[in-house]
Structures are given as structure tokens and as C-alpha cells.
Amino acid sequence: MIAELVTACVSILIAIMAYWLNHQGETRRSLRKARIDWASSQLEDLYGPLLVLTETNERAWSEYCRRYILSIGAGPAEIPLPEMEEARWRTWVEEIFAPTAQKIRRSLPPGET
């Protein structure tokens, strides 16, 4: 009779301990998942738009190079551009490159410029 009572108590104690350990593990897993989800959302909110802006600027630069630099050939940097090419370059910088760079700078968190 005593052996059966001890066996029953030990079985109940083991079941309670198993439940408690499982509960602790699930709590830790859910907290870790919440932290990972929060970090992922922060990265998505910041770096998603930042990636789009940098890819846009890269494509614009590639297009500018394809249209204008490769067609005329690139000379040394010391040689001034002809007036028409300089005007074209200024237009691209003012209308495409600079606004995108400003958007990139505004999308960065403070202190990361």
C-alpha cells in the first residue's frame, strides 16, 4: 500500500515537473520569437525602403553611364566637360541623384549618416 502511494505521488510529481518545464520552455520560445519578430519588423521598416532607394539610385547611375558615358567615352577627370554634357550632368544630379540621396539620408536613423 505504501509503495503504491509513493509511486502515485512520484508519478504526480513527475507530471507536474514535466508540465512546469514544458511551460517554461514554451514561455522562453515565445519571448525569443517575439524579439525576433520585432527585430525583423524594424529591419523591414528601415532597410526595405533604404534598399529600394539605393537600388533606384544604382539603376539611375547605370542608365546614365550606358546612355552618356559609354557612348562618348570617358576621359580624365581633369578635363572639363563640354557645356552641353555639363548641363546634362547637372540635370541628372539635381533631378535624380541628389533627391534620391536626400531620401536615403532622411530614412536613416539619427546618428547613422
Protein backbone atom coordinates (compact mmCIF):
# COMPACT_ATOMS: atom_id res chain seq x y z
CA MET A 1 0.00 0.00 0.00
CA ILE A 2 2.77 2.45 0.89
CA ALA A 3 4.68 1.54 -2.27
CA GLU A 4 1.60 2.24 -4.36
CA LEU A 5 1.07 5.58 -2.61
CA VAL A 6 4.72 6.56 -3.14
CA THR A 7 4.52 5.51 -6.79
CA ALA A 8 1.36 7.57 -7.30
CA CYS A 9 2.87 10.63 -5.59
CA VAL A 10 6.09 10.34 -7.58
CA SER A 11 4.08 9.97 -10.80
CA ILE A 12 2.07 13.09 -9.98
CA LEU A 13 5.22 14.98 -9.03
CA ILE A 14 6.91 13.96 -12.30
CA ALA A 15 3.84 15.02 -14.29
CA ILE A 16 3.77 18.42 -12.53
CA MET A 17 7.51 18.92 -13.11
CA ALA A 18 7.18 17.95 -16.78
CA TYR A 19 4.29 20.40 -17.22
CA TRP A 20 6.23 23.20 -15.46
CA LEU A 21 9.40 22.59 -17.50
CA ASN A 22 7.39 22.48 -20.73
CA HIS A 23 5.63 25.72 -19.76
CA GLN A 24 8.98 27.42 -19.04
CA GLY A 25 10.37 26.27 -22.38
CA GLU A 26 7.30 27.49 -24.26
CA THR A 27 7.49 30.86 -22.49
CA ARG A 28 11.16 31.27 -23.43
CA ARG A 29 10.42 30.24 -27.03
CA SER A 30 7.55 32.71 -27.35
CA LEU A 31 9.66 35.54 -25.88
CA ARG A 32 12.52 34.73 -28.26
CA LYS A 33 10.08 34.62 -31.21
CA ALA A 34 8.63 37.98 -30.17
CA ARG A 35 12.13 39.52 -30.05
CA ILE A 36 12.99 38.07 -33.46
CA ASP A 37 9.70 39.31 -34.94
CA TRP A 38 10.31 42.80 -33.51
CA ALA A 39 13.86 42.91 -34.92
CA SER A 40 12.61 41.67 -38.29
CA SER A 41 9.91 44.33 -38.43
CA GLN A 42 12.46 47.02 -37.52
CA LEU A 43 14.81 45.82 -40.25
CA GLU A 44 11.97 45.63 -42.76
CA ASP A 45 10.71 49.11 -41.90
CA LEU A 46 14.16 50.68 -42.18
CA TYR A 47 16.14 48.66 -44.66
CA GLY A 48 13.33 47.74 -47.04
CA PRO A 49 12.77 51.33 -48.19
CA LEU A 50 16.50 52.03 -47.95
CA LEU A 51 17.25 49.09 -50.23
CA VAL A 52 14.68 50.31 -52.76
CA LEU A 53 16.21 53.79 -52.76
CA THR A 54 19.79 52.55 -53.17
CA GLU A 55 18.77 50.17 -55.96
CA THR A 56 16.93 53.03 -57.67
CA ASN A 57 20.00 55.23 -57.47
CA GLU A 58 22.21 52.40 -58.74
CA ARG A 59 19.91 51.81 -61.72
CA ALA A 60 19.83 55.52 -62.48
CA TRP A 61 23.63 55.64 -62.40
CA SER A 62 23.87 52.58 -64.66
CA GLU A 63 21.43 54.15 -67.10
CA TYR A 64 23.35 57.43 -67.10
CA CYS A 65 26.60 55.55 -67.77
CA ARG A 66 25.00 53.47 -70.51
CA ARG A 67 23.48 56.47 -72.27
CA TYR A 68 26.12 59.13 -71.92
CA ILE A 69 29.47 57.97 -70.58
CA LEU A 70 29.91 54.80 -72.61
CA SER A 71 28.65 56.42 -75.81
CA ILE A 72 31.17 59.30 -75.73
CA GLY A 73 34.00 57.56 -73.89
CA ALA A 74 35.23 58.66 -70.50
CA GLY A 75 38.18 61.00 -70.36
CA PRO A 76 40.41 62.01 -67.46
CA ALA A 77 38.67 63.81 -64.59
CA GLU A 78 40.86 66.91 -65.07
CA ILE A 79 39.39 67.63 -68.50
CA PRO A 80 36.31 69.84 -68.14
CA LEU A 81 33.10 68.60 -69.69
CA PRO A 82 31.71 70.40 -72.71
CA GLU A 83 28.88 72.80 -71.83
CA MET A 84 26.08 70.54 -73.11
CA GLU A 85 27.38 67.50 -71.23
CA GLU A 86 27.86 69.52 -68.05
CA ALA A 87 24.28 70.77 -68.29
CA ARG A 88 23.06 67.21 -68.80
CA TRP A 89 25.12 66.04 -65.79
CA ARG A 90 23.75 68.84 -63.58
CA THR A 91 20.21 67.96 -64.63
CA TRP A 92 20.72 64.29 -63.71
CA VAL A 93 22.29 65.24 -60.38
CA GLU A 94 19.58 67.79 -59.50
CA GLU A 95 16.62 65.73 -60.70
CA ILE A 96 17.62 62.14 -59.95
CA PHE A 97 20.79 61.52 -57.94
CA ALA A 98 20.53 64.26 -55.29
CA PRO A 99 16.81 63.77 -54.41
CA THR A 100 17.32 60.03 -54.01
CA ALA A 101 20.42 60.57 -51.87
CA GLN A 102 18.45 63.01 -49.70
CA LYS A 103 15.65 60.46 -49.27
CA ILE A 104 18.24 57.85 -48.28
CA ARG A 105 19.74 60.25 -45.75
CA ARG A 106 16.30 61.08 -44.28
CA SER A 107 15.41 57.38 -43.97
CA LEU A 108 18.47 56.62 -41.83
CA PRO A 109 18.10 56.75 -38.05
CA PRO A 110 19.75 59.72 -36.33
CA GLY A 111 23.49 59.32 -35.91
CA GLU A 112 23.94 56.95 -38.89
CA THR A 113 24.65 59.48 -41.62
